[in-house]
Amino acid sequence: MSAPRTAEITRNTKETRIRVAINLDGTGQLNLVTGVPFLDHMLDQIARHGLIDLEIEASGDLHIDGHHTVEDIGIALGQAVAKAIGDKSGIRRYGHAYIPLDEALSRVVIDFSGRPYLEFNVDFTRPTTGTFEMELVQEFFQGFVNHAQISLHIDNLRGKNAHHQCETVFKAFGRALRMAAEYDPRSQGMIPSTKGTL
């Protein structure tokens, strides 16, 4: 078996200071200090359902709002995934998942294409959950996509509770990411593209 695919990223700006450490071949271990409790809850879904070990330490200008912190965590996590996945040799490349939570149902599809693209179709039923602004979910995924260099389609197919809508998205994302990043024993050492590179 290959060595675990790990990476560590540090991102420091005038607005945020962030460290992300990731193991794509982990067991779902999690250590989070972000200052944004609802985001911590969602990141927990990625780790547990993606079987990704994840450490994130973040401090940001939360006295303004959560925008910079949430977006920059997405950026740093995307950079860590890109570094850990390497040249993508032998991976499945594509991943998808449907996840229900009571009345809510979401679908997430991922392609480690090397081209950043986000299709985000989630009409949250409320603008906030607690103090968390739901529009920041798209900002998180846009930051991730831009730096992980993936194509990501997110569709909430139904839902009445905004928390449930969001949780199904993050759980489905974790599952789809796990599938796409997994090694395919039938394509060992091969780049999953007719171009020969991703």
N, C-alpha and C. Protein backbone atom coordinates (compact mmCIF):
# COMPACT_ATOMS: atom_id res chain seq x y z
N MET A 1 0.84 -1.19 0.00
CA MET A 1 0.00 0.00 0.00
C MET A 1 0.87 1.24 0.00
N SER A 2 0.48 2.25 -0.74
CA SER A 2 1.24 3.49 -0.83
C SER A 2 1.19 4.23 0.50
N ALA A 3 2.18 5.11 0.69
CA ALA A 3 2.20 5.94 1.89
C ALA A 3 0.99 6.87 1.88
N PRO A 4 0.48 7.24 3.05
CA PRO A 4 -0.66 8.17 3.10
C PRO A 4 -0.34 9.47 2.38
N ARG A 5 -1.33 10.00 1.71
CA ARG A 5 -1.18 11.25 0.97
C ARG A 5 -1.50 12.40 1.92
N THR A 6 -0.47 13.12 2.31
CA THR A 6 -0.62 14.18 3.31
C THR A 6 -0.10 15.50 2.76
N ALA A 7 -0.54 16.57 3.40
CA ALA A 7 -0.05 17.91 3.04
C ALA A 7 -0.32 18.85 4.19
N GLU A 8 0.48 19.89 4.27
CA GLU A 8 0.25 20.96 5.24
C GLU A 8 0.40 22.30 4.53
N ILE A 9 -0.53 23.17 4.77
CA ILE A 9 -0.57 24.48 4.13
C ILE A 9 -0.70 25.56 5.21
N THR A 10 0.07 26.62 5.07
CA THR A 10 -0.09 27.80 5.92
C THR A 10 -0.44 28.99 5.03
N ARG A 11 -1.49 29.71 5.42
CA ARG A 11 -1.92 30.88 4.65
C ARG A 11 -2.10 32.04 5.63
N ASN A 12 -1.25 33.06 5.48
CA ASN A 12 -1.33 34.22 6.35
C ASN A 12 -1.57 35.48 5.52
N THR A 13 -2.62 36.19 5.86
CA THR A 13 -2.93 37.46 5.21
C THR A 13 -3.20 38.51 6.29
N LYS A 14 -3.51 39.71 5.89
CA LYS A 14 -3.87 40.75 6.85
C LYS A 14 -5.23 40.48 7.47
N GLU A 15 -5.99 39.55 6.87
CA GLU A 15 -7.34 39.26 7.36
C GLU A 15 -7.43 37.95 8.13
N THR A 16 -6.58 36.97 7.78
CA THR A 16 -6.65 35.66 8.41
C THR A 16 -5.27 35.03 8.56
N ARG A 17 -5.18 34.11 9.51
CA ARG A 17 -4.00 33.25 9.66
C ARG A 17 -4.51 31.82 9.76
N ILE A 18 -4.11 30.99 8.82
CA ILE A 18 -4.70 29.65 8.72
C ILE A 18 -3.62 28.60 8.50
N ARG A 19 -3.77 27.47 9.22
CA ARG A 19 -2.94 26.29 8.97
C ARG A 19 -3.86 25.10 8.76
N VAL A 20 -3.63 24.38 7.67
CA VAL A 20 -4.40 23.18 7.36
C VAL A 20 -3.44 22.02 7.18
N ALA A 21 -3.73 20.91 7.86
CA ALA A 21 -3.00 19.66 7.64
C ALA A 21 -4.02 18.58 7.28
N ILE A 22 -3.70 17.78 6.27
CA ILE A 22 -4.67 16.82 5.75
C ILE A 22 -4.00 15.49 5.45
N ASN A 23 -4.75 14.42 5.68
CA ASN A 23 -4.35 13.08 5.26
C ASN A 23 -5.53 12.50 4.50
N LEU A 24 -5.39 12.40 3.19
CA LEU A 24 -6.49 11.90 2.36
C LEU A 24 -6.78 10.42 2.62
N ASP A 25 -5.84 9.72 3.21
CA ASP A 25 -6.00 8.28 3.46
C ASP A 25 -6.16 8.01 4.95
N GLY A 26 -6.89 8.88 5.62
CA GLY A 26 -7.04 8.78 7.05
C GLY A 26 -8.26 8.00 7.48
N THR A 27 -8.72 8.29 8.70
CA THR A 27 -9.86 7.59 9.28
C THR A 27 -10.95 8.55 9.76
N GLY A 28 -10.82 9.84 9.42
CA GLY A 28 -11.82 10.81 9.83
C GLY A 28 -11.49 11.54 11.11
N GLN A 29 -10.22 11.51 11.51
CA GLN A 29 -9.80 12.23 12.72
C GLN A 29 -9.84 13.74 12.46
N LEU A 30 -10.21 14.48 13.49
CA LEU A 30 -10.48 15.90 13.30
C LEU A 30 -9.95 16.71 14.46
N ASN A 31 -9.32 17.84 14.16
CA ASN A 31 -8.89 18.79 15.18
C ASN A 31 -9.10 20.18 14.61
N LEU A 32 -10.10 20.90 15.12
CA LEU A 32 -10.50 22.18 14.53
C LEU A 32 -10.50 23.30 15.57
N VAL A 33 -9.94 24.43 15.17
CA VAL A 33 -10.09 25.67 15.93
C VAL A 33 -10.24 26.78 14.89
N THR A 34 -11.48 27.12 14.53
CA THR A 34 -11.70 28.12 13.49
C THR A 34 -12.39 29.39 14.00
N GLY A 35 -13.06 29.31 15.13
CA GLY A 35 -13.82 30.45 15.62
C GLY A 35 -15.19 30.56 15.00
N VAL A 36 -15.53 29.61 14.10
CA VAL A 36 -16.84 29.62 13.43
C VAL A 36 -17.50 28.27 13.72
N PRO A 37 -18.28 28.16 14.79
CA PRO A 37 -18.79 26.85 15.22
C PRO A 37 -19.60 26.10 14.17
N PHE A 38 -20.45 26.78 13.42
CA PHE A 38 -21.25 26.09 12.42
C PHE A 38 -20.36 25.51 11.32
N LEU A 39 -19.32 26.25 10.91
CA LEU A 39 -18.38 25.74 9.92
C LEU A 39 -17.64 24.52 10.48
N ASP A 40 -17.27 24.56 11.76
CA ASP A 40 -16.64 23.40 12.37
C ASP A 40 -17.53 22.16 12.23
N HIS A 41 -18.82 22.34 12.47
CA HIS A 41 -19.78 21.24 12.35
C HIS A 41 -19.80 20.69 10.92
N MET A 42 -19.72 21.57 9.93
CA MET A 42 -19.74 21.14 8.53
C MET A 42 -18.41 20.48 8.13
N LEU A 43 -17.29 21.03 8.61
CA LEU A 43 -15.99 20.42 8.32
C LEU A 43 -15.88 19.03 8.93
N ASP A 44 -16.54 18.84 10.06
CA ASP A 44 -16.60 17.52 10.68
C ASP A 44 -17.25 16.51 9.73
N GLN A 45 -18.27 16.96 8.99
CA GLN A 45 -18.93 16.07 8.03
C GLN A 45 -17.97 15.64 6.92
N ILE A 46 -17.15 16.59 6.43
CA ILE A 46 -16.18 16.26 5.39
C ILE A 46 -15.20 15.20 5.88
N ALA A 47 -14.67 15.43 7.09
CA ALA A 47 -13.66 14.50 7.63
C ALA A 47 -14.25 13.11 7.86
N ARG A 48 -15.39 13.04 8.51
CA ARG A 48 -15.96 11.75 8.89
C ARG A 48 -16.48 10.97 7.69
N HIS A 49 -17.14 11.65 6.79
CA HIS A 49 -17.73 10.94 5.65
C HIS A 49 -16.74 10.78 4.50
N GLY A 50 -15.68 11.59 4.50
CA GLY A 50 -14.63 11.43 3.51
C GLY A 50 -13.47 10.57 3.98
N LEU A 51 -13.52 10.16 5.27
CA LEU A 51 -12.41 9.45 5.89
C LEU A 51 -11.08 10.19 5.66
N ILE A 52 -11.13 11.48 5.93
CA ILE A 52 -9.98 12.37 5.79
C ILE A 52 -9.59 12.86 7.18
N ASP A 53 -8.32 12.72 7.53
CA ASP A 53 -7.83 13.32 8.77
C ASP A 53 -7.58 14.80 8.49
N LEU A 54 -8.10 15.64 9.36
CA LEU A 54 -8.10 17.07 9.08
C LEU A 54 -7.77 17.87 10.33
N GLU A 55 -6.77 18.73 10.20
CA GLU A 55 -6.45 19.70 11.25
C GLU A 55 -6.55 21.09 10.65
N ILE A 56 -7.30 21.96 11.29
CA ILE A 56 -7.41 23.34 10.83
C ILE A 56 -7.33 24.28 12.03
N GLU A 57 -6.37 25.18 11.98
CA GLU A 57 -6.27 26.25 12.96
C GLU A 57 -6.45 27.56 12.20
N ALA A 58 -7.42 28.35 12.62
CA ALA A 58 -7.70 29.60 11.91
C ALA A 58 -8.02 30.70 12.90
N SER A 59 -7.48 31.86 12.63
CA SER A 59 -7.89 33.07 13.35
C SER A 59 -8.08 34.15 12.29
N GLY A 60 -9.21 34.83 12.37
CA GLY A 60 -9.53 35.83 11.36
C GLY A 60 -10.26 37.02 11.95
N ASP A 61 -10.63 37.92 11.08
CA ASP A 61 -11.28 39.17 11.50
C ASP A 61 -12.78 38.94 11.73
N LEU A 62 -13.08 38.06 12.67
CA LEU A 62 -14.48 37.73 12.96
C LEU A 62 -15.23 38.89 13.59
N HIS A 63 -14.50 39.90 14.07
CA HIS A 63 -15.18 41.10 14.58
C HIS A 63 -15.87 41.86 13.45
N ILE A 64 -15.44 41.61 12.20
CA ILE A 64 -16.13 42.19 11.03
C ILE A 64 -17.28 41.28 10.64
N ASP A 65 -16.94 40.08 10.20
CA ASP A 65 -17.90 38.99 9.96
C ASP A 65 -17.11 37.74 9.62
N GLY A 66 -17.81 36.68 9.24
CA GLY A 66 -17.12 35.42 8.99
C GLY A 66 -16.61 35.24 7.58
N HIS A 67 -16.84 36.21 6.71
CA HIS A 67 -16.56 36.01 5.28
C HIS A 67 -15.12 35.63 5.00
N HIS A 68 -14.16 36.44 5.46
CA HIS A 68 -12.76 36.18 5.13
C HIS A 68 -12.28 34.85 5.70
N THR A 69 -12.70 34.56 6.92
CA THR A 69 -12.26 33.31 7.56
C THR A 69 -12.79 32.09 6.83
N VAL A 70 -14.08 32.09 6.51
CA VAL A 70 -14.69 30.95 5.83
C VAL A 70 -14.09 30.77 4.44
N GLU A 71 -13.98 31.85 3.69
CA GLU A 71 -13.42 31.77 2.34
C GLU A 71 -11.98 31.29 2.36
N ASP A 72 -11.18 31.83 3.26
CA ASP A 72 -9.76 31.49 3.29
C ASP A 72 -9.52 30.06 3.79
N ILE A 73 -10.40 29.56 4.65
CA ILE A 73 -10.31 28.14 5.02
C ILE A 73 -10.58 27.28 3.79
N GLY A 74 -11.56 27.66 2.99
CA GLY A 74 -11.82 26.94 1.74
C GLY A 74 -10.62 26.96 0.81
N ILE A 75 -9.97 28.12 0.70
CA ILE A 75 -8.79 28.26 -0.15
C ILE A 75 -7.66 27.36 0.35
N ALA A 76 -7.37 27.43 1.65
CA ALA A 76 -6.26 26.64 2.21
C ALA A 76 -6.55 25.15 2.14
N LEU A 77 -7.80 24.75 2.37
CA LEU A 77 -8.15 23.34 2.26
C LEU A 77 -8.00 22.86 0.82
N GLY A 78 -8.39 23.69 -0.14
CA GLY A 78 -8.20 23.35 -1.55
C GLY A 78 -6.74 23.18 -1.90
N GLN A 79 -5.89 24.07 -1.40
CA GLN A 79 -4.45 23.97 -1.64
C GLN A 79 -3.89 22.68 -1.05
N ALA A 80 -4.37 22.32 0.15
CA ALA A 80 -3.89 21.11 0.81
C ALA A 80 -4.30 19.86 0.03
N VAL A 81 -5.54 19.84 -0.44
CA VAL A 81 -6.00 18.68 -1.23
C VAL A 81 -5.18 18.56 -2.51
N ALA A 82 -4.96 19.68 -3.20
CA ALA A 82 -4.18 19.65 -4.44
C ALA A 82 -2.77 19.13 -4.20
N LYS A 83 -2.16 19.56 -3.11
CA LYS A 83 -0.80 19.11 -2.79
C LYS A 83 -0.78 17.63 -2.42
N ALA A 84 -1.78 17.20 -1.63
CA ALA A 84 -1.81 15.81 -1.18
C ALA A 84 -2.11 14.84 -2.32
N ILE A 85 -2.96 15.24 -3.26
CA ILE A 85 -3.39 14.33 -4.33
C ILE A 85 -2.27 14.11 -5.34
N GLY A 86 -1.33 15.05 -5.43
CA GLY A 86 -0.17 14.88 -6.31
C GLY A 86 -0.53 14.91 -7.78
N ASP A 87 0.07 14.01 -8.57
CA ASP A 87 -0.16 14.03 -10.03
C ASP A 87 -1.43 13.28 -10.43
N LYS A 88 -2.18 12.76 -9.44
CA LYS A 88 -3.46 12.08 -9.64
C LYS A 88 -3.33 10.72 -10.30
N SER A 89 -2.12 10.22 -10.34
CA SER A 89 -1.89 8.89 -10.91
C SER A 89 -2.64 7.83 -10.12
N GLY A 90 -3.43 7.02 -10.83
CA GLY A 90 -4.11 5.89 -10.23
C GLY A 90 -5.40 6.19 -9.49
N ILE A 91 -5.82 7.46 -9.43
CA ILE A 91 -7.05 7.77 -8.71
C ILE A 91 -8.27 7.54 -9.60
N ARG A 92 -9.43 7.47 -8.97
CA ARG A 92 -10.66 7.28 -9.73
C ARG A 92 -11.03 8.54 -10.52
N ARG A 93 -10.64 9.70 -10.05
CA ARG A 93 -10.87 11.01 -10.64
C ARG A 93 -12.28 11.53 -10.41
N TYR A 94 -13.29 10.72 -10.65
CA TYR A 94 -14.68 11.16 -10.51
C TYR A 94 -15.28 10.60 -9.23
N GLY A 95 -16.13 11.39 -8.60
CA GLY A 95 -16.84 10.93 -7.42
C GLY A 95 -18.20 11.58 -7.34
N HIS A 96 -19.15 10.88 -6.75
CA HIS A 96 -20.49 11.44 -6.61
C HIS A 96 -21.16 10.86 -5.38
N ALA A 97 -22.13 11.58 -4.85
CA ALA A 97 -22.88 11.08 -3.70
C ALA A 97 -24.23 11.78 -3.62
N TYR A 98 -25.23 11.02 -3.24
CA TYR A 98 -26.53 11.56 -2.84
C TYR A 98 -26.66 11.33 -1.34
N ILE A 99 -27.00 12.36 -0.59
CA ILE A 99 -27.14 12.23 0.85
C ILE A 99 -28.47 12.84 1.31
N PRO A 100 -29.29 12.06 2.03
CA PRO A 100 -30.52 12.60 2.61
C PRO A 100 -30.31 12.93 4.09
N LEU A 101 -31.08 13.86 4.59
CA LEU A 101 -31.22 14.11 6.02
C LEU A 101 -32.65 14.55 6.25
N ASP A 102 -33.47 13.63 6.73
CA ASP A 102 -34.90 13.89 6.89
C ASP A 102 -35.47 14.38 5.56
N GLU A 103 -35.98 15.61 5.51
CA GLU A 103 -36.66 16.10 4.30
C GLU A 103 -35.69 16.60 3.23
N ALA A 104 -34.42 16.75 3.58
CA ALA A 104 -33.43 17.34 2.67
C ALA A 104 -32.67 16.26 1.90
N LEU A 105 -32.33 16.57 0.66
CA LEU A 105 -31.57 15.66 -0.20
C LEU A 105 -30.65 16.48 -1.09
N SER A 106 -29.36 16.13 -1.07
CA SER A 106 -28.38 16.83 -1.91
C SER A 106 -27.54 15.86 -2.70
N ARG A 107 -27.08 16.35 -3.85
CA ARG A 107 -26.20 15.59 -4.74
C ARG A 107 -24.93 16.40 -4.98
N VAL A 108 -23.79 15.74 -4.88
CA VAL A 108 -22.50 16.38 -5.16
C VAL A 108 -21.71 15.49 -6.12
N VAL A 109 -21.15 16.10 -7.16
CA VAL A 109 -20.35 15.39 -8.16
C VAL A 109 -19.03 16.12 -8.31
N ILE A 110 -17.93 15.37 -8.28
CA ILE A 110 -16.58 15.93 -8.33
C ILE A 110 -15.80 15.33 -9.49
N ASP A 111 -14.97 16.18 -10.12
CA ASP A 111 -14.02 15.73 -11.13
C ASP A 111 -12.68 16.39 -10.83
N PHE A 112 -11.66 15.59 -10.57
CA PHE A 112 -10.30 16.11 -10.40
C PHE A 112 -9.74 16.45 -11.78
N SER A 113 -10.33 17.42 -12.40
CA SER A 113 -10.08 17.72 -13.80
C SER A 113 -8.84 18.58 -14.04
N GLY A 114 -8.37 19.28 -13.00
CA GLY A 114 -7.32 20.26 -13.21
C GLY A 114 -7.85 21.60 -13.64
N ARG A 115 -9.18 21.71 -13.76
CA ARG A 115 -9.82 22.95 -14.18
C ARG A 115 -10.84 23.36 -13.11
N PRO A 116 -10.68 24.55 -12.52
CA PRO A 116 -11.61 24.96 -11.48
C PRO A 116 -12.96 25.39 -12.05
N TYR A 117 -14.03 24.75 -11.55
CA TYR A 117 -15.38 25.15 -11.96
C TYR A 117 -16.34 24.76 -10.85
N LEU A 118 -17.21 25.70 -10.46
CA LEU A 118 -18.21 25.43 -9.45
C LEU A 118 -19.60 25.70 -10.00
N GLU A 119 -20.46 24.70 -9.92
CA GLU A 119 -21.89 24.86 -10.20
C GLU A 119 -22.60 24.64 -8.85
N PHE A 120 -23.18 25.70 -8.32
CA PHE A 120 -23.74 25.68 -6.97
C PHE A 120 -25.22 26.03 -7.04
N ASN A 121 -26.06 25.04 -6.81
CA ASN A 121 -27.50 25.24 -6.89
C ASN A 121 -28.15 24.84 -5.56
N VAL A 122 -28.09 25.77 -4.62
CA VAL A 122 -28.67 25.56 -3.30
C VAL A 122 -29.45 26.82 -2.94
N ASP A 123 -30.74 26.67 -2.80
CA ASP A 123 -31.61 27.78 -2.42
C ASP A 123 -31.97 27.60 -0.95
N PHE A 124 -31.11 28.12 -0.07
CA PHE A 124 -31.35 27.95 1.36
C PHE A 124 -32.66 28.62 1.77
N THR A 125 -33.39 27.97 2.64
CA THR A 125 -34.71 28.46 3.05
C THR A 125 -34.61 29.59 4.07
N ARG A 126 -33.42 29.79 4.63
CA ARG A 126 -33.18 30.90 5.55
C ARG A 126 -31.82 31.52 5.23
N PRO A 127 -31.64 32.81 5.46
CA PRO A 127 -30.34 33.44 5.18
C PRO A 127 -29.28 33.13 6.21
N THR A 128 -29.69 32.70 7.41
CA THR A 128 -28.72 32.39 8.46
C THR A 128 -29.15 31.12 9.19
N THR A 129 -28.17 30.46 9.79
CA THR A 129 -28.41 29.40 10.77
C THR A 129 -27.64 29.82 12.00
N GLY A 130 -28.34 30.15 13.07
CA GLY A 130 -27.68 30.79 14.20
C GLY A 130 -27.11 32.12 13.73
N THR A 131 -25.82 32.30 13.91
CA THR A 131 -25.17 33.53 13.44
C THR A 131 -24.43 33.33 12.12
N PHE A 132 -24.49 32.11 11.58
CA PHE A 132 -23.76 31.80 10.34
C PHE A 132 -24.57 32.22 9.12
N GLU A 133 -23.96 33.00 8.23
CA GLU A 133 -24.61 33.45 7.00
C GLU A 133 -24.48 32.35 5.95
N MET A 134 -25.62 31.87 5.47
CA MET A 134 -25.61 30.72 4.58
C MET A 134 -24.95 31.02 3.23
N GLU A 135 -24.90 32.27 2.83
CA GLU A 135 -24.24 32.60 1.56
C GLU A 135 -22.75 32.29 1.61
N LEU A 136 -22.19 32.15 2.82
CA LEU A 136 -20.76 31.84 2.94
C LEU A 136 -20.45 30.41 2.52
N VAL A 137 -21.46 29.55 2.45
CA VAL A 137 -21.23 28.17 2.00
C VAL A 137 -20.69 28.19 0.57
N GLN A 138 -21.30 28.98 -0.29
CA GLN A 138 -20.82 29.08 -1.67
C GLN A 138 -19.41 29.67 -1.71
N GLU A 139 -19.14 30.66 -0.87
CA GLU A 139 -17.80 31.26 -0.83
C GLU A 139 -16.75 30.23 -0.42
N PHE A 140 -17.10 29.38 0.53
CA PHE A 140 -16.18 28.31 0.95
C PHE A 140 -15.86 27.39 -0.22
N PHE A 141 -16.89 26.93 -0.90
CA PHE A 141 -16.67 25.98 -1.99
C PHE A 141 -15.99 26.64 -3.20
N GLN A 142 -16.26 27.93 -3.44
CA GLN A 142 -15.58 28.61 -4.54
C GLN A 142 -14.10 28.72 -4.25
N GLY A 143 -13.74 29.07 -3.02
CA GLY A 143 -12.33 29.11 -2.64
C GLY A 143 -11.67 27.75 -2.78
N PHE A 144 -12.39 26.70 -2.35
CA PHE A 144 -11.85 25.34 -2.45
C PHE A 144 -11.61 24.95 -3.90
N VAL A 145 -12.61 25.13 -4.73
CA VAL A 145 -12.54 24.74 -6.15
C VAL A 145 -11.39 25.45 -6.86
N ASN A 146 -11.26 26.74 -6.62
CA ASN A 146 -10.23 27.52 -7.31
C ASN A 146 -8.83 27.00 -7.03
N HIS A 147 -8.62 26.46 -5.83
CA HIS A 147 -7.26 26.07 -5.44
C HIS A 147 -7.04 24.56 -5.46
N ALA A 148 -8.11 23.78 -5.38
CA ALA A 148 -7.97 22.33 -5.56
C ALA A 148 -7.94 21.97 -7.04
N GLN A 149 -8.36 22.91 -7.90
CA GLN A 149 -8.37 22.69 -9.35
C GLN A 149 -9.28 21.52 -9.71
N ILE A 150 -10.53 21.59 -9.20
CA ILE A 150 -11.51 20.56 -9.50
C ILE A 150 -12.75 21.18 -10.10
N SER A 151 -13.55 20.35 -10.77
CA SER A 151 -14.91 20.72 -11.15
C SER A 151 -15.84 20.14 -10.09
N LEU A 152 -16.76 20.99 -9.60
CA LEU A 152 -17.62 20.58 -8.50
C LEU A 152 -19.05 21.04 -8.78
N HIS A 153 -19.96 20.08 -8.80
CA HIS A 153 -21.39 20.38 -8.99
C HIS A 153 -22.12 20.04 -7.69
N ILE A 154 -22.80 21.03 -7.15
CA ILE A 154 -23.54 20.87 -5.90
C ILE A 154 -24.99 21.23 -6.15
N ASP A 155 -25.89 20.29 -5.88
CA ASP A 155 -27.32 20.52 -6.07
C ASP A 155 -28.08 20.06 -4.83
N ASN A 156 -28.78 20.98 -4.19
CA ASN A 156 -29.73 20.58 -3.17
C ASN A 156 -31.05 20.32 -3.88
N LEU A 157 -31.47 19.07 -3.89
CA LEU A 157 -32.63 18.67 -4.67
C LEU A 157 -33.93 18.98 -3.96
N ARG A 158 -33.90 18.97 -2.62
CA ARG A 158 -35.06 19.39 -1.85
C ARG A 158 -34.64 19.64 -0.41
N GLY A 159 -35.44 20.39 0.30
CA GLY A 159 -35.15 20.67 1.70
C GLY A 159 -35.95 21.85 2.21
N LYS A 160 -36.35 21.77 3.46
CA LYS A 160 -37.10 22.85 4.09
C LYS A 160 -36.33 23.49 5.24
N ASN A 161 -35.41 22.73 5.82
CA ASN A 161 -34.62 23.20 6.95
C ASN A 161 -33.22 23.55 6.45
N ALA A 162 -32.80 24.81 6.63
CA ALA A 162 -31.52 25.26 6.08
C ALA A 162 -30.34 24.49 6.65
N HIS A 163 -30.41 24.15 7.93
CA HIS A 163 -29.34 23.35 8.54
C HIS A 163 -29.25 21.99 7.85
N HIS A 164 -30.39 21.36 7.64
CA HIS A 164 -30.41 20.06 6.96
C HIS A 164 -29.89 20.18 5.52
N GLN A 165 -30.31 21.22 4.82
CA GLN A 165 -29.83 21.44 3.45
C GLN A 165 -28.30 21.50 3.43
N CYS A 166 -27.75 22.31 4.33
CA CYS A 166 -26.31 22.51 4.35
C CYS A 166 -25.58 21.24 4.76
N GLU A 167 -26.11 20.54 5.75
CA GLU A 167 -25.43 19.33 6.21
C GLU A 167 -25.42 18.25 5.14
N THR A 168 -26.49 18.12 4.37
CA THR A 168 -26.47 17.13 3.29
C THR A 168 -25.44 17.49 2.23
N VAL A 169 -25.26 18.77 1.98
CA VAL A 169 -24.25 19.21 1.01
C VAL A 169 -22.85 18.81 1.47
N PHE A 170 -22.53 19.08 2.72
CA PHE A 170 -21.18 18.78 3.21
C PHE A 170 -20.93 17.28 3.35
N LYS A 171 -21.95 16.54 3.78
CA LYS A 171 -21.80 15.08 3.85
C LYS A 171 -21.59 14.50 2.46
N ALA A 172 -22.38 14.95 1.50
CA ALA A 172 -22.24 14.46 0.13
C ALA A 172 -20.89 14.85 -0.45
N PHE A 173 -20.43 16.05 -0.13
CA PHE A 173 -19.12 16.48 -0.60
C PHE A 173 -18.02 15.57 -0.05
N GLY A 174 -18.09 15.24 1.24
CA GLY A 174 -17.10 14.35 1.83
C GLY A 174 -17.09 12.99 1.15
N ARG A 175 -18.27 12.42 0.92
CA ARG A 175 -18.37 11.11 0.26
C ARG A 175 -17.85 11.16 -1.17
N ALA A 176 -18.23 12.20 -1.92
CA ALA A 176 -17.80 12.32 -3.31
C ALA A 176 -16.29 12.53 -3.40
N LEU A 177 -15.76 13.33 -2.49
CA LEU A 177 -14.31 13.57 -2.47
C LEU A 177 -13.56 12.27 -2.19
N ARG A 178 -14.06 11.50 -1.25
CA ARG A 178 -13.45 10.21 -0.93
C ARG A 178 -13.44 9.30 -2.16
N MET A 179 -14.56 9.22 -2.85
CA MET A 179 -14.64 8.36 -4.04
C MET A 179 -13.67 8.82 -5.13
N ALA A 180 -13.65 10.11 -5.40
CA ALA A 180 -12.82 10.64 -6.49
C ALA A 180 -11.33 10.50 -6.20
N ALA A 181 -10.95 10.63 -4.92
CA ALA A 181 -9.54 10.59 -4.55
C ALA A 181 -9.02 9.17 -4.34
N GLU A 182 -9.92 8.20 -4.25
CA GLU A 182 -9.51 6.81 -4.01
C GLU A 182 -8.67 6.27 -5.16
N TYR A 183 -7.76 5.39 -4.80
CA TYR A 183 -7.01 4.68 -5.83
C TYR A 183 -7.90 3.61 -6.47
N ASP A 184 -7.78 3.50 -7.79
CA ASP A 184 -8.48 2.47 -8.54
C ASP A 184 -7.48 1.35 -8.84
N PRO A 185 -7.67 0.15 -8.27
CA PRO A 185 -6.68 -0.91 -8.46
C PRO A 185 -6.51 -1.32 -9.92
N ARG A 186 -7.49 -1.03 -10.77
CA ARG A 186 -7.38 -1.40 -12.18
C ARG A 186 -6.61 -0.39 -13.00
N SER A 187 -6.36 0.80 -12.44
CA SER A 187 -5.61 1.80 -13.21
C SER A 187 -4.38 2.27 -12.44
N GLN A 188 -3.75 1.33 -11.77
CA GLN A 188 -2.58 1.64 -10.96
C GLN A 188 -1.49 2.29 -11.81
N GLY A 189 -1.03 3.45 -11.35
CA GLY A 189 0.05 4.16 -12.04
C GLY A 189 -0.38 4.93 -13.27
N MET A 190 -1.65 4.86 -13.63
CA MET A 190 -2.13 5.53 -14.84
C MET A 190 -2.79 6.86 -14.49
N ILE A 191 -2.62 7.84 -15.36
CA ILE A 191 -3.34 9.11 -15.23
C ILE A 191 -4.72 8.93 -15.87
N PRO A 192 -5.81 9.20 -15.13
CA PRO A 192 -7.14 8.95 -15.67
C PRO A 192 -7.62 10.03 -16.64
N SER A 193 -6.91 10.15 -17.76
CA SER A 193 -7.26 11.13 -18.78
C SER A 193 -6.63 10.71 -20.11
N THR A 194 -7.36 10.93 -21.20
CA THR A 194 -6.79 10.64 -22.52
C THR A 194 -5.68 11.63 -22.87
N LYS A 195 -5.60 12.74 -22.15
CA LYS A 195 -4.54 13.72 -22.38
C LYS A 195 -3.20 13.25 -21.82
N GLY A 196 -3.27 12.33 -20.85
CA GLY A 196 -2.06 11.88 -20.20
C GLY A 196 -1.64 12.73 -19.02
N THR A 197 -2.43 13.78 -18.73
CA THR A 197 -2.14 14.66 -17.60
C THR A 197 -3.42 15.30 -17.13
N LEU A 198 -3.45 15.66 -15.87
CA LEU A 198 -4.60 16.37 -15.29
C LEU A 198 -4.11 17.57 -14.51
